[in-house]
């Protein structure tokens, strides 16, 4: 029996959930999970290291690398083939204090989990999968 999948902590839902070409579409949409979006946001936008990203998301660094690689592949597919990118679903735990969470600014170098704490984060489904391990973050 495989080990249960651990939910990845995300700071907030994306402002926009769909992106696409202006001149038509080639093929079906590319679906990106919310934890993949979070890895891209933390590492590429905010400049976090894999270690910082792993701490923020509550998973191992190797898991972050795997999630990040999957996300980059999906971004490339959408850009190169002119397909719509849809961000939804996944296995995640939504932080209840996103504005105060350090995940919005890795330059501060303090993990948002210390300030936010497990008790103030809530499990959300929003198209994703909830597992009992989500409460362990």
N, C-alpha and C. Protein backbone atom coordinates (compact mmCIF):
# COMPACT_ATOMS: atom_id res chain seq x y z
N UNK A 1 0.85 -1.19 0.00
CA UNK A 1 0.00 0.00 0.00
C UNK A 1 0.89 1.24 0.00
N UNK A 2 0.63 2.20 -0.91
CA UNK A 2 1.46 3.39 -0.96
C UNK A 2 1.23 4.30 0.25
N UNK A 3 2.24 5.05 0.56
CA UNK A 3 2.18 6.01 1.65
C UNK A 3 1.17 7.10 1.30
N UNK A 4 0.36 7.57 2.28
CA UNK A 4 -0.62 8.63 1.97
C UNK A 4 0.09 9.91 1.53
N UNK A 5 -0.50 10.59 0.59
CA UNK A 5 0.07 11.83 0.07
C UNK A 5 -0.12 12.96 1.07
N UNK A 6 0.95 13.68 1.36
CA UNK A 6 0.89 14.79 2.31
C UNK A 6 0.46 16.05 1.59
N UNK A 7 -0.48 16.77 2.16
CA UNK A 7 -0.94 18.02 1.56
C UNK A 7 0.17 19.05 1.61
N UNK A 8 0.20 19.90 0.60
CA UNK A 8 1.18 20.98 0.54
C UNK A 8 0.50 22.27 0.97
N UNK A 9 1.15 23.03 1.80
CA UNK A 9 0.57 24.26 2.30
C UNK A 9 0.75 25.37 1.28
N UNK A 10 -0.32 26.09 0.98
CA UNK A 10 -0.24 27.25 0.09
C UNK A 10 -0.74 28.47 0.86
N UNK A 11 -0.20 29.63 0.51
CA UNK A 11 -0.54 30.85 1.23
C UNK A 11 -1.87 31.45 0.81
N UNK A 12 -2.22 31.31 -0.44
CA UNK A 12 -3.48 31.89 -0.93
C UNK A 12 -3.82 31.29 -2.28
N UNK A 13 -5.08 31.38 -2.63
CA UNK A 13 -5.51 30.95 -3.95
C UNK A 13 -5.04 31.98 -4.98
N UNK A 14 -4.75 31.57 -6.21
CA UNK A 14 -4.30 32.53 -7.21
C UNK A 14 -5.39 33.54 -7.55
N UNK A 15 -4.99 34.74 -7.91
CA UNK A 15 -5.96 35.77 -8.29
C UNK A 15 -6.67 35.41 -9.58
N UNK A 16 -5.94 34.76 -10.48
CA UNK A 16 -6.50 34.35 -11.77
C UNK A 16 -6.27 32.85 -11.91
N UNK A 17 -7.27 32.14 -12.41
CA UNK A 17 -7.17 30.69 -12.48
C UNK A 17 -7.05 30.16 -13.90
N UNK A 18 -7.03 31.06 -14.89
CA UNK A 18 -6.95 30.61 -16.27
C UNK A 18 -6.18 31.62 -17.12
N UNK A 19 -5.29 31.12 -17.96
CA UNK A 19 -4.50 31.95 -18.86
C UNK A 19 -4.50 31.28 -20.22
N UNK A 20 -4.49 32.07 -21.28
CA UNK A 20 -4.48 31.46 -22.59
C UNK A 20 -4.07 32.40 -23.69
N UNK A 21 -3.87 31.84 -24.88
CA UNK A 21 -3.47 32.65 -26.02
C UNK A 21 -4.61 33.54 -26.49
N UNK A 22 -4.25 34.66 -27.08
CA UNK A 22 -5.25 35.59 -27.60
C UNK A 22 -5.77 35.17 -28.96
N UNK A 23 -4.95 34.48 -29.75
CA UNK A 23 -5.37 34.07 -31.09
C UNK A 23 -5.66 32.58 -31.13
N UNK A 24 -6.80 32.17 -30.66
CA UNK A 24 -7.21 30.77 -30.75
C UNK A 24 -6.45 29.86 -29.79
N UNK A 25 -6.82 28.60 -29.82
CA UNK A 25 -6.22 27.61 -28.93
C UNK A 25 -5.86 26.37 -29.71
N UNK A 26 -4.72 25.79 -29.40
CA UNK A 26 -4.30 24.54 -30.04
C UNK A 26 -4.36 23.43 -29.00
N UNK A 27 -5.30 22.53 -29.15
CA UNK A 27 -5.39 21.42 -28.20
C UNK A 27 -6.17 21.79 -26.95
N UNK A 28 -6.31 20.84 -26.06
CA UNK A 28 -7.03 21.04 -24.81
C UNK A 28 -6.22 21.82 -23.80
N UNK A 29 -6.85 22.20 -22.71
CA UNK A 29 -6.16 22.97 -21.68
C UNK A 29 -5.11 22.14 -20.93
N UNK A 30 -4.13 22.83 -20.37
CA UNK A 30 -3.12 22.23 -19.51
C UNK A 30 -3.55 22.54 -18.09
N UNK A 31 -3.68 21.52 -17.24
CA UNK A 31 -4.14 21.73 -15.87
C UNK A 31 -2.97 21.71 -14.90
N UNK A 32 -2.84 22.79 -14.14
CA UNK A 32 -1.80 22.93 -13.13
C UNK A 32 -2.45 22.92 -11.75
N UNK A 33 -1.94 22.09 -10.85
CA UNK A 33 -2.46 22.02 -9.49
C UNK A 33 -2.01 23.24 -8.70
N UNK A 34 -2.76 23.55 -7.65
CA UNK A 34 -2.44 24.73 -6.84
C UNK A 34 -1.09 24.64 -6.16
N UNK A 35 -0.66 23.44 -5.78
CA UNK A 35 0.66 23.32 -5.16
C UNK A 35 1.78 23.56 -6.18
N UNK A 36 1.52 23.25 -7.45
CA UNK A 36 2.50 23.54 -8.50
C UNK A 36 2.59 25.04 -8.73
N UNK A 37 1.45 25.70 -8.74
CA UNK A 37 1.42 27.17 -8.85
C UNK A 37 2.18 27.80 -7.69
N UNK A 38 1.99 27.29 -6.48
CA UNK A 38 2.65 27.83 -5.29
C UNK A 38 4.17 27.68 -5.39
N UNK A 39 4.63 26.55 -5.88
CA UNK A 39 6.08 26.34 -6.03
C UNK A 39 6.66 27.35 -7.03
N UNK A 40 5.97 27.57 -8.14
CA UNK A 40 6.42 28.57 -9.13
C UNK A 40 6.43 29.96 -8.49
N UNK A 41 5.38 30.30 -7.76
CA UNK A 41 5.27 31.62 -7.12
C UNK A 41 6.41 31.85 -6.13
N UNK A 42 6.64 30.86 -5.27
CA UNK A 42 7.66 31.01 -4.24
C UNK A 42 9.07 31.07 -4.83
N UNK A 43 9.37 30.16 -5.76
CA UNK A 43 10.75 30.08 -6.25
C UNK A 43 11.05 31.06 -7.37
N UNK A 44 10.17 31.18 -8.35
CA UNK A 44 10.47 32.05 -9.49
C UNK A 44 10.09 33.52 -9.25
N UNK A 45 8.98 33.76 -8.61
CA UNK A 45 8.56 35.14 -8.38
C UNK A 45 9.24 35.76 -7.16
N UNK A 46 9.23 35.04 -6.03
CA UNK A 46 9.78 35.59 -4.80
C UNK A 46 11.25 35.26 -4.57
N UNK A 47 11.81 34.36 -5.38
CA UNK A 47 13.23 34.05 -5.26
C UNK A 47 13.59 33.17 -4.08
N UNK A 48 12.65 32.40 -3.57
CA UNK A 48 12.95 31.48 -2.47
C UNK A 48 13.82 30.34 -2.97
N UNK A 49 14.62 29.79 -2.08
CA UNK A 49 15.37 28.58 -2.40
C UNK A 49 14.44 27.39 -2.27
N UNK A 50 14.88 26.24 -2.76
CA UNK A 50 14.07 25.02 -2.61
C UNK A 50 13.85 24.72 -1.13
N UNK A 51 14.84 24.94 -0.31
CA UNK A 51 14.74 24.67 1.13
C UNK A 51 13.70 25.58 1.78
N UNK A 52 13.72 26.86 1.44
CA UNK A 52 12.74 27.81 1.98
C UNK A 52 11.34 27.46 1.50
N UNK A 53 11.24 27.11 0.23
CA UNK A 53 9.95 26.73 -0.35
C UNK A 53 9.41 25.48 0.36
N UNK A 54 10.27 24.51 0.59
CA UNK A 54 9.87 23.27 1.27
C UNK A 54 9.37 23.57 2.68
N UNK A 55 10.07 24.46 3.40
CA UNK A 55 9.64 24.83 4.75
C UNK A 55 8.30 25.52 4.73
N UNK A 56 8.09 26.38 3.77
CA UNK A 56 6.83 27.11 3.67
C UNK A 56 5.67 26.18 3.32
N UNK A 57 5.94 25.21 2.43
CA UNK A 57 4.88 24.32 1.97
C UNK A 57 4.70 23.10 2.89
N UNK A 58 5.61 22.90 3.83
CA UNK A 58 5.48 21.81 4.79
C UNK A 58 5.79 20.44 4.22
N UNK A 59 6.69 20.37 3.24
CA UNK A 59 7.08 19.10 2.64
C UNK A 59 8.60 19.04 2.51
N UNK A 60 9.12 17.90 2.07
CA UNK A 60 10.56 17.73 1.89
C UNK A 60 11.04 18.51 0.67
N UNK A 61 12.33 18.86 0.67
CA UNK A 61 12.92 19.57 -0.45
C UNK A 61 12.80 18.77 -1.75
N UNK A 62 12.96 17.46 -1.67
CA UNK A 62 12.84 16.62 -2.87
C UNK A 62 11.42 16.66 -3.43
N UNK A 63 10.43 16.79 -2.56
CA UNK A 63 9.03 16.90 -3.02
C UNK A 63 8.83 18.23 -3.74
N UNK A 64 9.40 19.29 -3.19
CA UNK A 64 9.30 20.61 -3.83
C UNK A 64 9.94 20.56 -5.22
N UNK A 65 11.10 19.90 -5.34
CA UNK A 65 11.76 19.80 -6.64
C UNK A 65 10.86 19.07 -7.65
N UNK A 66 10.21 18.01 -7.21
CA UNK A 66 9.32 17.25 -8.09
C UNK A 66 8.11 18.10 -8.51
N UNK A 67 7.50 18.78 -7.56
CA UNK A 67 6.33 19.63 -7.84
C UNK A 67 6.74 20.77 -8.78
N UNK A 68 7.89 21.37 -8.52
CA UNK A 68 8.40 22.48 -9.34
C UNK A 68 8.68 22.02 -10.78
N UNK A 69 9.31 20.87 -10.93
CA UNK A 69 9.60 20.33 -12.26
C UNK A 69 8.32 20.07 -13.05
N UNK A 70 7.31 19.53 -12.39
CA UNK A 70 6.03 19.28 -13.05
C UNK A 70 5.40 20.59 -13.49
N UNK A 71 5.46 21.61 -12.63
CA UNK A 71 4.87 22.91 -12.94
C UNK A 71 5.58 23.57 -14.12
N UNK A 72 6.91 23.51 -14.14
CA UNK A 72 7.67 24.11 -15.24
C UNK A 72 7.35 23.42 -16.57
N UNK A 73 7.20 22.10 -16.52
CA UNK A 73 6.83 21.36 -17.73
C UNK A 73 5.48 21.78 -18.27
N UNK A 74 4.53 22.00 -17.37
CA UNK A 74 3.19 22.41 -17.78
C UNK A 74 3.20 23.83 -18.33
N UNK A 75 3.98 24.72 -17.71
CA UNK A 75 4.10 26.08 -18.24
C UNK A 75 4.69 26.07 -19.64
N UNK A 76 5.73 25.28 -19.84
CA UNK A 76 6.36 25.19 -21.15
C UNK A 76 5.38 24.65 -22.19
N UNK A 77 4.64 23.63 -21.84
CA UNK A 77 3.67 23.04 -22.76
C UNK A 77 2.62 24.07 -23.18
N UNK A 78 2.11 24.82 -22.21
CA UNK A 78 1.09 25.84 -22.51
C UNK A 78 1.66 26.94 -23.41
N UNK A 79 2.88 27.38 -23.13
CA UNK A 79 3.48 28.46 -23.92
C UNK A 79 3.85 28.01 -25.33
N UNK A 80 4.51 26.87 -25.43
CA UNK A 80 5.02 26.42 -26.73
C UNK A 80 3.89 25.97 -27.65
N UNK A 81 2.90 25.27 -27.10
CA UNK A 81 1.82 24.75 -27.93
C UNK A 81 0.61 25.68 -28.01
N UNK A 82 0.65 26.82 -27.35
CA UNK A 82 -0.45 27.77 -27.41
C UNK A 82 -1.72 27.23 -26.78
N UNK A 83 -1.59 26.54 -25.66
CA UNK A 83 -2.75 25.97 -24.98
C UNK A 83 -3.11 26.80 -23.75
N UNK A 84 -4.36 26.70 -23.36
CA UNK A 84 -4.84 27.41 -22.17
C UNK A 84 -4.31 26.72 -20.92
N UNK A 85 -3.87 27.51 -19.93
CA UNK A 85 -3.39 26.99 -18.65
C UNK A 85 -4.47 27.24 -17.61
N UNK A 86 -4.91 26.17 -16.93
CA UNK A 86 -5.95 26.26 -15.91
C UNK A 86 -5.34 25.83 -14.58
N UNK A 87 -5.47 26.67 -13.56
CA UNK A 87 -4.93 26.38 -12.24
C UNK A 87 -6.07 26.00 -11.32
N UNK A 88 -6.08 24.75 -10.86
CA UNK A 88 -7.14 24.30 -9.95
C UNK A 88 -6.78 22.95 -9.36
N UNK A 89 -7.44 22.62 -8.25
CA UNK A 89 -7.31 21.30 -7.64
C UNK A 89 -5.96 21.05 -7.01
N UNK A 90 -5.72 19.81 -6.66
CA UNK A 90 -4.47 19.40 -6.05
C UNK A 90 -4.66 18.98 -4.61
N UNK A 91 -3.58 18.66 -3.96
CA UNK A 91 -3.58 18.28 -2.54
C UNK A 91 -2.92 19.40 -1.77
N UNK A 92 -3.72 20.25 -1.13
CA UNK A 92 -3.16 21.42 -0.49
C UNK A 92 -3.92 21.78 0.78
N UNK A 93 -3.27 22.58 1.59
CA UNK A 93 -3.82 23.12 2.82
C UNK A 93 -3.71 24.63 2.70
N UNK A 94 -4.82 25.33 2.76
CA UNK A 94 -4.83 26.78 2.58
C UNK A 94 -4.60 27.48 3.91
N UNK A 95 -3.62 28.38 3.93
CA UNK A 95 -3.30 29.14 5.13
C UNK A 95 -4.39 30.18 5.37
N UNK A 96 -4.85 30.27 6.60
CA UNK A 96 -5.91 31.21 6.95
C UNK A 96 -5.43 32.64 7.15
N UNK A 97 -4.10 32.85 7.22
CA UNK A 97 -3.55 34.19 7.45
C UNK A 97 -2.61 34.58 6.34
N UNK A 98 -3.07 34.51 5.12
CA UNK A 98 -2.21 34.70 3.95
C UNK A 98 -1.49 36.05 3.94
N UNK A 99 -2.16 37.13 4.31
CA UNK A 99 -1.52 38.45 4.24
C UNK A 99 -0.37 38.58 5.21
N UNK A 100 -0.44 37.89 6.34
CA UNK A 100 0.62 37.98 7.35
C UNK A 100 1.65 36.87 7.20
N UNK A 101 1.43 35.97 6.28
CA UNK A 101 2.28 34.80 6.12
C UNK A 101 3.60 35.17 5.46
N UNK A 102 4.70 34.64 5.98
CA UNK A 102 6.02 34.94 5.43
C UNK A 102 6.19 34.38 4.03
N UNK A 103 5.33 33.48 3.62
CA UNK A 103 5.42 32.92 2.28
C UNK A 103 5.21 33.96 1.21
N UNK A 104 4.71 35.14 1.58
CA UNK A 104 4.54 36.21 0.61
C UNK A 104 5.82 37.00 0.43
N UNK A 105 6.83 36.78 1.30
CA UNK A 105 8.08 37.51 1.18
C UNK A 105 9.22 36.66 1.74
N UNK A 106 9.82 35.84 0.89
CA UNK A 106 10.90 34.96 1.34
C UNK A 106 12.13 35.75 1.74
N UNK A 107 12.22 37.01 1.35
CA UNK A 107 13.37 37.82 1.72
C UNK A 107 13.43 38.02 3.24
N UNK A 108 12.29 37.89 3.90
CA UNK A 108 12.27 38.03 5.36
C UNK A 108 12.94 36.84 6.04
N UNK A 109 13.00 35.70 5.34
CA UNK A 109 13.67 34.49 5.81
C UNK A 109 13.09 33.91 7.10
N UNK A 110 11.88 34.30 7.48
CA UNK A 110 11.26 33.66 8.64
C UNK A 110 10.07 32.86 8.14
N UNK A 111 10.00 31.64 8.55
CA UNK A 111 8.96 30.74 8.06
C UNK A 111 7.60 31.16 8.59
N UNK A 112 6.65 31.29 7.70
CA UNK A 112 5.29 31.69 8.08
C UNK A 112 4.62 30.67 8.97
N UNK A 113 5.08 29.42 8.97
CA UNK A 113 4.46 28.40 9.80
C UNK A 113 4.62 28.74 11.28
N UNK A 114 5.71 29.42 11.64
CA UNK A 114 5.91 29.77 13.05
C UNK A 114 4.92 30.82 13.51
N UNK A 115 4.61 31.78 12.64
CA UNK A 115 3.67 32.82 13.02
C UNK A 115 2.23 32.39 12.85
N UNK A 116 1.98 31.67 11.80
CA UNK A 116 0.61 31.30 11.47
C UNK A 116 0.15 30.14 12.35
N UNK A 117 1.00 29.15 12.53
CA UNK A 117 0.66 28.01 13.39
C UNK A 117 -0.39 27.11 12.80
N UNK A 118 -0.32 25.84 13.14
CA UNK A 118 -1.25 24.85 12.58
C UNK A 118 -2.69 25.15 12.94
N UNK A 119 -2.94 25.70 14.11
CA UNK A 119 -4.31 25.92 14.54
C UNK A 119 -5.05 26.96 13.73
N UNK A 120 -4.32 27.91 13.13
CA UNK A 120 -4.99 28.97 12.39
C UNK A 120 -5.14 28.65 10.91
N UNK A 121 -4.54 27.57 10.45
CA UNK A 121 -4.73 27.16 9.06
C UNK A 121 -5.92 26.23 8.98
N UNK A 122 -6.63 26.29 7.88
CA UNK A 122 -7.81 25.46 7.72
C UNK A 122 -7.69 24.60 6.48
N UNK A 123 -8.28 23.42 6.54
CA UNK A 123 -8.28 22.54 5.37
C UNK A 123 -9.35 23.00 4.40
N UNK A 124 -9.00 23.06 3.13
CA UNK A 124 -9.94 23.47 2.10
C UNK A 124 -9.94 22.45 0.99
N UNK A 125 -11.10 22.29 0.39
CA UNK A 125 -11.18 21.35 -0.73
C UNK A 125 -11.05 22.10 -2.05
N UNK A 126 -11.92 23.04 -2.33
CA UNK A 126 -11.85 23.89 -3.52
C UNK A 126 -11.36 23.15 -4.77
N UNK A 127 -11.92 22.00 -5.03
CA UNK A 127 -11.53 21.26 -6.22
C UNK A 127 -10.34 20.35 -6.00
N UNK A 128 -9.74 20.40 -4.84
CA UNK A 128 -8.58 19.55 -4.55
C UNK A 128 -8.98 18.37 -3.69
N UNK A 129 -8.00 17.61 -3.28
CA UNK A 129 -8.24 16.43 -2.46
C UNK A 129 -7.81 16.67 -1.03
N UNK A 130 -8.70 16.39 -0.10
CA UNK A 130 -8.35 16.50 1.30
C UNK A 130 -7.94 15.12 1.80
N UNK A 131 -6.92 15.07 2.61
CA UNK A 131 -6.49 13.83 3.23
C UNK A 131 -6.36 14.08 4.72
N UNK A 132 -6.42 13.02 5.51
CA UNK A 132 -6.30 13.21 6.95
C UNK A 132 -4.92 13.72 7.35
N UNK A 133 -3.91 13.54 6.50
CA UNK A 133 -2.58 14.04 6.83
C UNK A 133 -2.48 15.55 6.72
N UNK A 134 -3.49 16.21 6.16
CA UNK A 134 -3.44 17.66 6.03
C UNK A 134 -3.30 18.34 7.38
N UNK A 135 -3.88 17.77 8.41
CA UNK A 135 -3.81 18.36 9.75
C UNK A 135 -2.45 18.29 10.38
N UNK A 136 -1.52 17.55 9.76
CA UNK A 136 -0.19 17.38 10.35
C UNK A 136 0.77 18.48 9.98
N UNK A 137 0.38 19.44 9.16
CA UNK A 137 1.30 20.47 8.72
C UNK A 137 1.59 21.45 9.81
